[in-house]
Amino acid sequence: MPSFLTPAASPADDTGALEKAAAAVAAAQTALQTARRDLSAAIHAARHDGRSVQHIAARTGLDPFTVRNILAVTPARAPERPSDPPR
Protein backbone atom coordinates (compact mmCIF):
# COMPACT_ATOMS: atom_id res chain seq x y z
CA MET A 1 0.00 0.00 0.00
CA PRO A 2 1.47 3.42 -0.92
CA SER A 3 2.20 5.79 1.87
CA PHE A 4 1.33 9.45 1.54
CA LEU A 5 3.41 12.09 3.16
CA THR A 6 1.58 14.66 5.19
CA PRO A 7 3.20 18.07 4.83
CA ALA A 8 4.36 19.63 8.05
CA ALA A 9 2.30 22.51 9.30
CA SER A 10 3.75 25.81 8.24
CA PRO A 11 3.17 29.28 9.67
CA ALA A 12 1.05 30.10 6.60
CA ASP A 13 -1.47 27.46 7.74
CA ASP A 14 -2.34 29.58 10.75
CA THR A 15 -3.06 32.79 8.86
CA GLY A 16 -6.44 31.69 7.54
CA ALA A 17 -5.32 32.15 3.94
CA LEU A 18 -7.50 29.29 2.72
CA GLU A 19 -10.56 30.62 4.49
CA LYS A 20 -9.93 34.15 3.22
CA ALA A 21 -9.49 32.92 -0.34
CA ALA A 22 -12.64 30.78 -0.15
CA ALA A 23 -14.62 33.72 1.23
CA ALA A 24 -13.30 35.96 -1.56
CA VAL A 25 -14.39 33.42 -4.19
CA ALA A 26 -17.85 33.14 -2.62
CA ALA A 27 -18.20 36.93 -2.58
CA ALA A 28 -17.07 37.16 -6.20
CA GLN A 29 -19.59 34.50 -7.24
CA THR A 30 -22.37 36.42 -5.52
CA ALA A 31 -21.27 39.66 -7.19
CA LEU A 32 -21.13 37.93 -10.57
CA GLN A 33 -24.66 36.56 -10.17
CA THR A 34 -25.91 40.02 -9.25
CA ALA A 35 -24.09 41.62 -12.19
CA ARG A 36 -25.52 39.07 -14.62
CA ARG A 37 -29.03 39.63 -13.28
CA ASP A 38 -28.57 43.42 -13.56
CA LEU A 39 -27.23 43.12 -17.11
CA SER A 40 -30.18 40.95 -18.11
CA ALA A 41 -32.63 43.43 -16.61
CA ALA A 42 -30.91 46.33 -18.40
CA ILE A 43 -30.99 44.48 -21.72
CA HIS A 44 -34.69 43.68 -21.32
CA ALA A 45 -35.41 47.30 -20.37
CA ALA A 46 -33.47 48.64 -23.36
CA ARG A 47 -35.31 46.30 -25.72
CA HIS A 48 -38.64 47.29 -24.14
CA ASP A 49 -37.70 50.92 -24.77
CA GLY A 50 -37.29 50.15 -28.46
CA ARG A 51 -33.53 49.71 -28.75
CA SER A 52 -32.44 47.29 -31.45
CA VAL A 53 -30.53 44.12 -30.66
CA GLN A 54 -27.58 45.52 -32.62
CA HIS A 55 -27.64 48.73 -30.57
CA ILE A 56 -27.76 46.79 -27.29
CA ALA A 57 -24.94 44.53 -28.47
CA ALA A 58 -22.77 47.49 -29.41
CA ARG A 59 -23.38 49.24 -26.09
CA THR A 60 -22.72 46.13 -23.96
CA GLY A 61 -19.85 44.61 -25.93
CA LEU A 62 -21.87 41.44 -26.42
CA ASP A 63 -22.57 39.88 -29.78
CA PRO A 64 -26.16 40.04 -31.11
CA PHE A 65 -26.57 36.26 -30.68
CA THR A 66 -25.86 36.56 -26.93
CA VAL A 67 -28.25 39.51 -26.61
CA ARG A 68 -30.99 37.52 -28.33
CA ASN A 69 -30.35 34.59 -26.00
CA ILE A 70 -30.66 36.86 -22.97
CA LEU A 71 -33.88 38.33 -24.35
CA ALA A 72 -35.28 34.82 -24.89
CA VAL A 73 -35.16 34.14 -21.15
CA THR A 74 -37.53 35.70 -18.65
CA PRO A 75 -35.53 38.06 -16.43
CA ALA A 76 -34.60 36.58 -13.07
CA ARG A 77 -35.83 38.24 -9.93
CA ALA A 78 -33.47 38.95 -7.10
CA PRO A 79 -33.70 36.22 -4.48
CA GLU A 80 -35.88 37.14 -1.54
CA ARG A 81 -34.22 37.52 1.81
CA PRO A 82 -35.91 36.30 4.97
CA SER A 83 -36.27 39.92 6.11
CA ASP A 84 -38.14 40.92 2.93
CA PRO A 85 -41.92 41.39 3.36
CA PRO A 86 -44.07 38.87 1.47
CA ARG A 87 -45.20 39.91 -1.99
PDB file of N, CA and C in Angstrom:
ATOM      1  N   MET A   1       0.847  -1.167   0.000  1.00  0.00           N
ATOM      2  CA  MET A   1       0.000   0.000   0.000  1.00  0.00           C
ATOM      3  C   MET A   1       0.900   1.240   0.000  1.00  0.00           C
ATOM      4  N   PRO A   2       0.603   2.240  -0.874  1.00  0.00           N
ATOM      5  CA  PRO A   2       1.466   3.422  -0.922  1.00  0.00           C
ATOM      6  C   PRO A   2       1.267   4.269   0.326  1.00  0.00           C
ATOM      7  N   SER A   3       2.330   4.881   0.732  1.00  0.00           N
ATOM      8  CA  SER A   3       2.199   5.787   1.873  1.00  0.00           C
ATOM      9  C   SER A   3       2.223   7.220   1.342  1.00  0.00           C
ATOM     10  N   PHE A   4       1.420   8.054   1.948  1.00  0.00           N
ATOM     11  CA  PHE A   4       1.331   9.450   1.542  1.00  0.00           C
ATOM     12  C   PHE A   4       1.952  10.300   2.629  1.00  0.00           C
ATOM     13  N   LEU A   5       2.782  11.196   2.208  1.00  0.00           N
ATOM     14  CA  LEU A   5       3.411  12.086   3.160  1.00  0.00           C
ATOM     15  C   LEU A   5       2.468  13.230   3.494  1.00  0.00           C
ATOM     16  N   THR A   6       2.372  13.530   4.745  1.00  0.00           N
ATOM     17  CA  THR A   6       1.579  14.662   5.187  1.00  0.00           C
ATOM     18  C   THR A   6       2.530  15.834   5.374  1.00  0.00           C
ATOM     19  N   PRO A   7       2.277  16.949   4.685  1.00  0.00           N
ATOM     20  CA  PRO A   7       3.197  18.074   4.831  1.00  0.00           C
ATOM     21  C   PRO A   7       3.149  18.615   6.251  1.00  0.00           C
ATOM     22  N   ALA A   8       4.281  19.037   6.708  1.00  0.00           N
ATOM     23  CA  ALA A   8       4.364  19.629   8.046  1.00  0.00           C
ATOM     24  C   ALA A   8       3.610  20.948   8.055  1.00  0.00           C
ATOM     25  N   ALA A   9       3.012  21.245   9.175  1.00  0.00           N
ATOM     26  CA  ALA A   9       2.295  22.510   9.303  1.00  0.00           C
ATOM     27  C   ALA A   9       3.284  23.654   9.159  1.00  0.00           C
ATOM     28  N   SER A  10       2.887  24.639   8.412  1.00  0.00           N
ATOM     29  CA  SER A  10       3.748  25.806   8.243  1.00  0.00           C
ATOM     30  C   SER A  10       3.059  27.014   8.851  1.00  0.00           C
ATOM     31  N   PRO A  11       3.789  28.073   9.100  1.00  0.00           N
ATOM     32  CA  PRO A  11       3.175  29.280   9.670  1.00  0.00           C
ATOM     33  C   PRO A  11       2.035  29.818   8.802  1.00  0.00           C
ATOM     34  N   ALA A  12       2.104  29.594   7.495  1.00  0.00           N
ATOM     35  CA  ALA A  12       1.053  30.097   6.603  1.00  0.00           C
ATOM     36  C   ALA A  12      -0.280  29.406   6.884  1.00  0.00           C
ATOM     37  N   ASP A  13      -0.232  28.181   7.439  1.00  0.00           N
ATOM     38  CA  ASP A  13      -1.465  27.465   7.735  1.00  0.00           C
ATOM     39  C   ASP A  13      -2.290  28.176   8.801  1.00  0.00           C
ATOM     40  N   ASP A  14      -1.644  28.928   9.650  1.00  0.00           N
ATOM     41  CA  ASP A  14      -2.337  29.578  10.753  1.00  0.00           C
ATOM     42  C   ASP A  14      -2.891  30.955  10.405  1.00  0.00           C
ATOM     43  N   THR A  15      -2.629  31.430   9.213  1.00  0.00           N
ATOM     44  CA  THR A  15      -3.062  32.786   8.863  1.00  0.00           C
ATOM     45  C   THR A  15      -4.485  32.831   8.353  1.00  0.00           C
ATOM     46  N   GLY A  16      -5.081  31.701   8.073  1.00  0.00           N
ATOM     47  CA  GLY A  16      -6.437  31.691   7.538  1.00  0.00           C
ATOM     48  C   GLY A  16      -6.484  32.006   6.062  1.00  0.00           C
ATOM     49  N   ALA A  17      -5.378  31.811   5.365  1.00  0.00           N
ATOM     50  CA  ALA A  17      -5.323  32.152   3.938  1.00  0.00           C
ATOM     51  C   ALA A  17      -6.349  31.366   3.134  1.00  0.00           C
ATOM     52  N   LEU A  18      -6.520  30.091   3.456  1.00  0.00           N
ATOM     53  CA  LEU A  18      -7.499  29.291   2.717  1.00  0.00           C
ATOM     54  C   LEU A  18      -8.914  29.812   2.940  1.00  0.00           C
ATOM     55  N   GLU A  19      -9.218  30.120   4.186  1.00  0.00           N
ATOM     56  CA  GLU A  19     -10.555  30.620   4.494  1.00  0.00           C
ATOM     57  C   GLU A  19     -10.805  31.974   3.837  1.00  0.00           C
ATOM     58  N   LYS A  20      -9.793  32.842   3.851  1.00  0.00           N
ATOM     59  CA  LYS A  20      -9.931  34.152   3.221  1.00  0.00           C
ATOM     60  C   LYS A  20     -10.137  34.013   1.716  1.00  0.00           C
ATOM     61  N   ALA A  21      -9.371  33.124   1.104  1.00  0.00           N
ATOM     62  CA  ALA A  21      -9.493  32.921  -0.341  1.00  0.00           C
ATOM     63  C   ALA A  21     -10.860  32.337  -0.691  1.00  0.00           C
ATOM     64  N   ALA A  22     -11.320  31.387   0.107  1.00  0.00           N
ATOM     65  CA  ALA A  22     -12.638  30.781  -0.150  1.00  0.00           C
ATOM     66  C   ALA A  22     -13.741  31.822   0.016  1.00  0.00           C
ATOM     67  N   ALA A  23     -13.624  32.668   1.024  1.00  0.00           N
ATOM     68  CA  ALA A  23     -14.617  33.722   1.228  1.00  0.00           C
ATOM     69  C   ALA A  23     -14.597  34.718   0.080  1.00  0.00           C
ATOM     70  N   ALA A  24     -13.416  35.040  -0.431  1.00  0.00           N
ATOM     71  CA  ALA A  24     -13.301  35.961  -1.564  1.00  0.00           C
ATOM     72  C   ALA A  24     -13.950  35.376  -2.809  1.00  0.00           C
ATOM     73  N   VAL A  25     -13.765  34.079  -3.036  1.00  0.00           N
ATOM     74  CA  VAL A  25     -14.390  33.424  -4.186  1.00  0.00           C
ATOM     75  C   VAL A  25     -15.910  33.433  -4.037  1.00  0.00           C
ATOM     76  N   ALA A  26     -16.401  33.134  -2.846  1.00  0.00           N
ATOM     77  CA  ALA A  26     -17.851  33.140  -2.616  1.00  0.00           C
ATOM     78  C   ALA A  26     -18.429  34.532  -2.848  1.00  0.00           C
ATOM     79  N   ALA A  27     -17.735  35.553  -2.368  1.00  0.00           N
ATOM     80  CA  ALA A  27     -18.197  36.928  -2.576  1.00  0.00           C
ATOM     81  C   ALA A  27     -18.180  37.295  -4.055  1.00  0.00           C
ATOM     82  N   ALA A  28     -17.155  36.874  -4.768  1.00  0.00           N
ATOM     83  CA  ALA A  28     -17.069  37.164  -6.202  1.00  0.00           C
ATOM     84  C   ALA A  28     -18.181  36.453  -6.968  1.00  0.00           C
ATOM     85  N   GLN A  29     -18.507  35.221  -6.575  1.00  0.00           N
ATOM     86  CA  GLN A  29     -19.588  34.499  -7.238  1.00  0.00           C
ATOM     87  C   GLN A  29     -20.921  35.210  -7.018  1.00  0.00           C
ATOM     88  N   THR A  30     -21.149  35.690  -5.811  1.00  0.00           N
ATOM     89  CA  THR A  30     -22.373  36.425  -5.518  1.00  0.00           C
ATOM     90  C   THR A  30     -22.435  37.710  -6.335  1.00  0.00           C
ATOM     91  N   ALA A  31     -21.320  38.420  -6.405  1.00  0.00           N
ATOM     92  CA  ALA A  31     -21.266  39.660  -7.186  1.00  0.00           C
ATOM     93  C   ALA A  31     -21.501  39.384  -8.672  1.00  0.00           C
ATOM     94  N   LEU A  32     -20.947  38.281  -9.170  1.00  0.00           N
ATOM     95  CA  LEU A  32     -21.133  37.929 -10.574  1.00  0.00           C
ATOM     96  C   LEU A  32     -22.596  37.612 -10.868  1.00  0.00           C
ATOM     97  N   GLN A  33     -23.247  36.871  -9.982  1.00  0.00           N
ATOM     98  CA  GLN A  33     -24.661  36.561 -10.172  1.00  0.00           C
ATOM     99  C   GLN A  33     -25.497  37.838 -10.192  1.00  0.00           C
ATOM    100  N   THR A  34     -25.189  38.751  -9.288  1.00  0.00           N
ATOM    101  CA  THR A  34     -25.909  40.023  -9.245  1.00  0.00           C
ATOM    102  C   THR A  34     -25.660  40.825 -10.515  1.00  0.00           C
ATOM    103  N   ALA A  35     -24.423  40.874 -10.973  1.00  0.00           N
ATOM    104  CA  ALA A  35     -24.086  41.617 -12.190  1.00  0.00           C
ATOM    105  C   ALA A  35     -24.789  41.021 -13.404  1.00  0.00           C
ATOM    106  N   ARG A  36     -24.832  39.706 -13.495  1.00  0.00           N
ATOM    107  CA  ARG A  36     -25.522  39.066 -14.624  1.00  0.00           C
ATOM    108  C   ARG A  36     -27.011  39.365 -14.597  1.00  0.00           C
ATOM    109  N   ARG A  37     -27.604  39.330 -13.398  1.00  0.00           N
ATOM    110  CA  ARG A  37     -29.032  39.632 -13.279  1.00  0.00           C
ATOM    111  C   ARG A  37     -29.295  41.087 -13.662  1.00  0.00           C
ATOM    112  N   ASP A  38     -28.416  42.000 -13.221  1.00  0.00           N
ATOM    113  CA  ASP A  38     -28.571  43.420 -13.558  1.00  0.00           C
ATOM    114  C   ASP A  38     -28.405  43.658 -15.056  1.00  0.00           C
ATOM    115  N   LEU A  39     -27.432  42.979 -15.670  1.00  0.00           N
ATOM    116  CA  LEU A  39     -27.232  43.117 -17.112  1.00  0.00           C
ATOM    117  C   LEU A  39     -28.452  42.616 -17.870  1.00  0.00           C
ATOM    118  N   SER A  40     -28.980  41.487 -17.457  1.00  0.00           N
ATOM    119  CA  SER A  40     -30.176  40.946 -18.105  1.00  0.00           C
ATOM    120  C   SER A  40     -31.340  41.918 -17.989  1.00  0.00           C
ATOM    121  N   ALA A  41     -31.542  42.476 -16.803  1.00  0.00           N
ATOM    122  CA  ALA A  41     -32.634  43.435 -16.609  1.00  0.00           C
ATOM    123  C   ALA A  41     -32.429  44.673 -17.480  1.00  0.00           C
ATOM    124  N   ALA A  42     -31.191  45.151 -17.575  1.00  0.00           N
ATOM    125  CA  ALA A  42     -30.913  46.331 -18.396  1.00  0.00           C
ATOM    126  C   ALA A  42     -31.143  46.040 -19.877  1.00  0.00           C
ATOM    127  N   ILE A  43     -30.765  44.854 -20.318  1.00  0.00           N
ATOM    128  CA  ILE A  43     -30.987  44.477 -21.721  1.00  0.00           C
ATOM    129  C   ILE A  43     -32.482  44.395 -22.009  1.00  0.00           C
ATOM    130  N   HIS A  44     -33.240  43.769 -21.121  1.00  0.00           N
ATOM    131  CA  HIS A  44     -34.686  43.681 -21.320  1.00  0.00           C
ATOM    132  C   HIS A  44     -35.323  45.077 -21.328  1.00  0.00           C
ATOM    133  N   ALA A  45     -34.866  45.951 -20.425  1.00  0.00           N
ATOM    134  CA  ALA A  45     -35.412  47.305 -20.372  1.00  0.00           C
ATOM    135  C   ALA A  45     -35.085  48.079 -21.649  1.00  0.00           C
ATOM    136  N   ALA A  46     -33.862  47.941 -22.135  1.00  0.00           N
ATOM    137  CA  ALA A  46     -33.468  48.639 -23.365  1.00  0.00           C
ATOM    138  C   ALA A  46     -34.293  48.144 -24.548  1.00  0.00           C
ATOM    139  N   ARG A  47     -34.512  46.858 -24.609  1.00  0.00           N
ATOM    140  CA  ARG A  47     -35.313  46.301 -25.716  1.00  0.00           C
ATOM    141  C   ARG A  47     -36.757  46.771 -25.606  1.00  0.00           C
ATOM    142  N   HIS A  48     -37.272  46.812 -24.370  1.00  0.00           N
ATOM    143  CA  HIS A  48     -38.641  47.287 -24.142  1.00  0.00           C
ATOM    144  C   HIS A  48     -38.788  48.752 -24.542  1.00  0.00           C
ATOM    145  N   ASP A  49     -37.700  49.507 -24.386  1.00  0.00           N
ATOM    146  CA  ASP A  49     -37.702  50.924 -24.765  1.00  0.00           C
ATOM    147  C   ASP A  49     -37.490  51.130 -26.265  1.00  0.00           C
ATOM    148  N   GLY A  50     -37.388  50.040 -27.017  1.00  0.00           N
ATOM    149  CA  GLY A  50     -37.294  50.146 -28.463  1.00  0.00           C
ATOM    150  C   GLY A  50     -35.897  50.078 -29.047  1.00  0.00           C
ATOM    151  N   ARG A  51     -34.895  49.824 -28.229  1.00  0.00           N
ATOM    152  CA  ARG A  51     -33.528  49.709 -28.746  1.00  0.00           C
ATOM    153  C   ARG A  51     -33.398  48.423 -29.556  1.00  0.00           C
ATOM    154  N   SER A  52     -32.641  48.476 -30.622  1.00  0.00           N
ATOM    155  CA  SER A  52     -32.436  47.286 -31.449  1.00  0.00           C
ATOM    156  C   SER A  52     -31.431  46.354 -30.776  1.00  0.00           C
ATOM    157  N   VAL A  53     -31.485  45.105 -31.173  1.00  0.00           N
ATOM    158  CA  VAL A  53     -30.531  44.119 -30.656  1.00  0.00           C
ATOM    159  C   VAL A  53     -29.110  44.559 -31.001  1.00  0.00           C
ATOM    160  N   GLN A  54     -28.908  45.072 -32.212  1.00  0.00           N
ATOM    161  CA  GLN A  54     -27.582  45.515 -32.625  1.00  0.00           C
ATOM    162  C   GLN A  54     -27.094  46.675 -31.754  1.00  0.00           C
ATOM    163  N   HIS A  55     -27.997  47.594 -31.432  1.00  0.00           N
ATOM    164  CA  HIS A  55     -27.642  48.731 -30.575  1.00  0.00           C
ATOM    165  C   HIS A  55     -27.244  48.230 -29.182  1.00  0.00           C
ATOM    166  N   ILE A  56     -28.050  47.342 -28.626  1.00  0.00           N
ATOM    167  CA  ILE A  56     -27.760  46.795 -27.294  1.00  0.00           C
ATOM    168  C   ILE A  56     -26.422  46.057 -27.316  1.00  0.00           C
ATOM    169  N   ALA A  57     -26.200  45.281 -28.357  1.00  0.00           N
ATOM    170  CA  ALA A  57     -24.944  44.530 -28.472  1.00  0.00           C
ATOM    171  C   ALA A  57     -23.750  45.483 -28.519  1.00  0.00           C
ATOM    172  N   ALA A  58     -23.872  46.532 -29.295  1.00  0.00           N
ATOM    173  CA  ALA A  58     -22.770  47.486 -29.411  1.00  0.00           C
ATOM    174  C   ALA A  58     -22.495  48.190 -28.088  1.00  0.00           C
ATOM    175  N   ARG A  59     -23.546  48.525 -27.364  1.00  0.00           N
ATOM    176  CA  ARG A  59     -23.384  49.236 -26.091  1.00  0.00           C
ATOM    177  C   ARG A  59     -22.839  48.341 -24.981  1.00  0.00           C
ATOM    178  N   THR A  60     -23.138  47.045 -25.036  1.00  0.00           N
ATOM    179  CA  THR A  60     -22.716  46.134 -23.962  1.00  0.00           C
ATOM    180  C   THR A  60     -21.431  45.384 -24.277  1.00  0.00           C
ATOM    181  N   GLY A  61     -21.027  45.382 -25.548  1.00  0.00           N
ATOM    182  CA  GLY A  61     -19.851  44.607 -25.933  1.00  0.00           C
ATOM    183  C   GLY A  61     -20.171  43.138 -26.176  1.00  0.00           C
ATOM    184  N   LEU A  62     -21.447  42.805 -26.135  1.00  0.00           N
ATOM    185  CA  LEU A  62     -21.874  41.435 -26.421  1.00  0.00           C
ATOM    186  C   LEU A  62     -22.155  41.298 -27.908  1.00  0.00           C
ATOM    187  N   ASP A  63     -22.175  40.068 -28.388  1.00  0.00           N
ATOM    188  CA  ASP A  63     -22.569  39.876 -29.777  1.00  0.00           C
ATOM    189  C   ASP A  63     -24.097  39.768 -29.835  1.00  0.00           C
ATOM    190  N   PRO A  64     -24.703  40.075 -30.992  1.00  0.00           N
ATOM    191  CA  PRO A  64     -26.163  40.040 -31.112  1.00  0.00           C
ATOM    192  C   PRO A  64     -26.769  38.684 -30.741  1.00  0.00           C
ATOM    193  N   PHE A  65     -26.067  37.599 -31.020  1.00  0.00           N
ATOM    194  CA  PHE A  65     -26.566  36.263 -30.679  1.00  0.00           C
ATOM    195  C   PHE A  65     -26.744  36.138 -29.165  1.00  0.00           C
ATOM    196  N   THR A  66     -25.777  36.618 -28.396  1.00  0.00           N
ATOM    197  CA  THR A  66     -25.863  36.560 -26.935  1.00  0.00           C
ATOM    198  C   THR A  66     -26.997  37.441 -26.429  1.00  0.00           C
ATOM    199  N   VAL A  67     -27.153  38.619 -27.014  1.00  0.00           N
ATOM    200  CA  VAL A  67     -28.246  39.512 -26.613  1.00  0.00           C
ATOM    201  C   VAL A  67     -29.585  38.836 -26.881  1.00  0.00           C
ATOM    202  N   ARG A  68     -29.736  38.220 -28.034  1.00  0.00           N
ATOM    203  CA  ARG A  68     -30.989  37.521 -28.334  1.00  0.00           C
ATOM    204  C   ARG A  68     -31.248  36.379 -27.353  1.00  0.00           C
ATOM    205  N   ASN A  69     -30.190  35.666 -26.975  1.00  0.00           N
ATOM    206  CA  ASN A  69     -30.355  34.591 -25.996  1.00  0.00           C
ATOM    207  C   ASN A  69     -30.809  35.136 -24.647  1.00  0.00           C
ATOM    208  N   ILE A  70     -30.247  36.254 -24.241  1.00  0.00           N
ATOM    209  CA  ILE A  70     -30.657  36.865 -22.973  1.00  0.00           C
ATOM    210  C   ILE A  70     -32.109  37.306 -23.050  1.00  0.00           C
ATOM    211  N   LEU A  71     -32.495  37.873 -24.179  1.00  0.00           N
ATOM    212  CA  LEU A  71     -33.877  38.327 -24.349  1.00  0.00           C
ATOM    213  C   LEU A  71     -34.867  37.161 -24.408  1.00  0.00           C
ATOM    214  N   ALA A  72     -34.398  35.987 -24.781  1.00  0.00           N
ATOM    215  CA  ALA A  72     -35.280  34.816 -24.886  1.00  0.00           C
ATOM    216  C   ALA A  72     -35.633  34.237 -23.521  1.00  0.00           C
ATOM    217  N   VAL A  73     -34.938  34.670 -22.492  1.00  0.00           N
ATOM    218  CA  VAL A  73     -35.159  34.142 -21.149  1.00  0.00           C
ATOM    219  C   VAL A  73     -35.852  35.200 -20.308  1.00  0.00           C
ATOM    220  N   THR A  74     -36.854  34.778 -19.548  1.00  0.00           N
ATOM    221  CA  THR A  74     -37.530  35.704 -18.646  1.00  0.00           C
ATOM    222  C   THR A  74     -36.528  36.214 -17.623  1.00  0.00           C
ATOM    223  N   PRO A  75     -36.499  37.520 -17.382  1.00  0.00           N
ATOM    224  CA  PRO A  75     -35.527  38.056 -16.427  1.00  0.00           C
ATOM    225  C   PRO A  75     -35.693  37.421 -15.046  1.00  0.00           C
ATOM    226  N   ALA A  76     -34.580  37.149 -14.419  1.00  0.00           N
ATOM    227  CA  ALA A  76     -34.603  36.576 -13.068  1.00  0.00           C
ATOM    228  C   ALA A  76     -34.870  37.673 -12.056  1.00  0.00           C
ATOM    229  N   ARG A  77     -35.615  37.312 -11.028  1.00  0.00           N
ATOM    230  CA  ARG A  77     -35.829  38.245  -9.928  1.00  0.00           C
ATOM    231  C   ARG A  77     -34.747  38.022  -8.896  1.00  0.00           C
ATOM    232  N   ALA A  78     -34.436  39.073  -8.185  1.00  0.00           N
ATOM    233  CA  ALA A  78     -33.466  38.947  -7.101  1.00  0.00           C
ATOM    234  C   ALA A  78     -34.037  37.990  -6.065  1.00  0.00           C
ATOM    235  N   PRO A  79     -33.194  37.132  -5.490  1.00  0.00           N
ATOM    236  CA  PRO A  79     -33.701  36.215  -4.481  1.00  0.00           C
ATOM    237  C   PRO A  79     -34.219  36.981  -3.273  1.00  0.00           C
ATOM    238  N   GLU A  80     -35.310  36.488  -2.712  1.00  0.00           N
ATOM    239  CA  GLU A  80     -35.876  37.140  -1.544  1.00  0.00           C
ATOM    240  C   GLU A  80     -35.065  36.778  -0.318  1.00  0.00           C
ATOM    241  N   ARG A  81     -34.910  37.751   0.546  1.00  0.00           N
ATOM    242  CA  ARG A  81     -34.217  37.522   1.810  1.00  0.00           C
ATOM    243  C   ARG A  81     -35.266  37.281   2.886  1.00  0.00           C
ATOM    244  N   PRO A  82     -34.930  36.553   3.914  1.00  0.00           N
ATOM    245  CA  PRO A  82     -35.910  36.298   4.973  1.00  0.00           C
ATOM    246  C   PRO A  82     -36.509  37.566   5.575  1.00  0.00           C
ATOM    247  N   SER A  83     -35.772  38.676   5.534  1.00  0.00           N
ATOM    248  CA  SER A  83     -36.274  39.918   6.114  1.00  0.00           C
ATOM    249  C   SER A  83     -37.202  40.687   5.163  1.00  0.00           C
ATOM    250  N   ASP A  84     -37.281  40.245   3.895  1.00  0.00           N
ATOM    251  CA  ASP A  84     -38.145  40.920   2.930  1.00  0.00           C
ATOM    252  C   ASP A  84     -39.611  40.631   3.259  1.00  0.00           C
ATOM    253  N   PRO A  85     -40.481  41.637   3.130  1.00  0.00           N
ATOM    254  CA  PRO A  85     -41.918  41.385   3.358  1.00  0.00           C
ATOM    255  C   PRO A  85     -42.470  40.512   2.243  1.00  0.00           C
ATOM    256  N   PRO A  86     -43.486  39.712   2.526  1.00  0.00           N
ATOM    257  CA  PRO A  86     -44.073  38.869   1.468  1.00  0.00           C
ATOM    258  C   PRO A  86     -44.684  39.711   0.376  1.00  0.00           C
ATOM    259  N   ARG A  87     -44.645  39.158  -0.843  1.00  0.00           N
ATOM    260  CA  ARG A  87     -45.199  39.905  -1.989  1.00  0.00           C
ATOM    261  C   ARG A  87     -46.550  39.375  -2.349  1.00  0.00           C
TER     262      ARG A  87
END
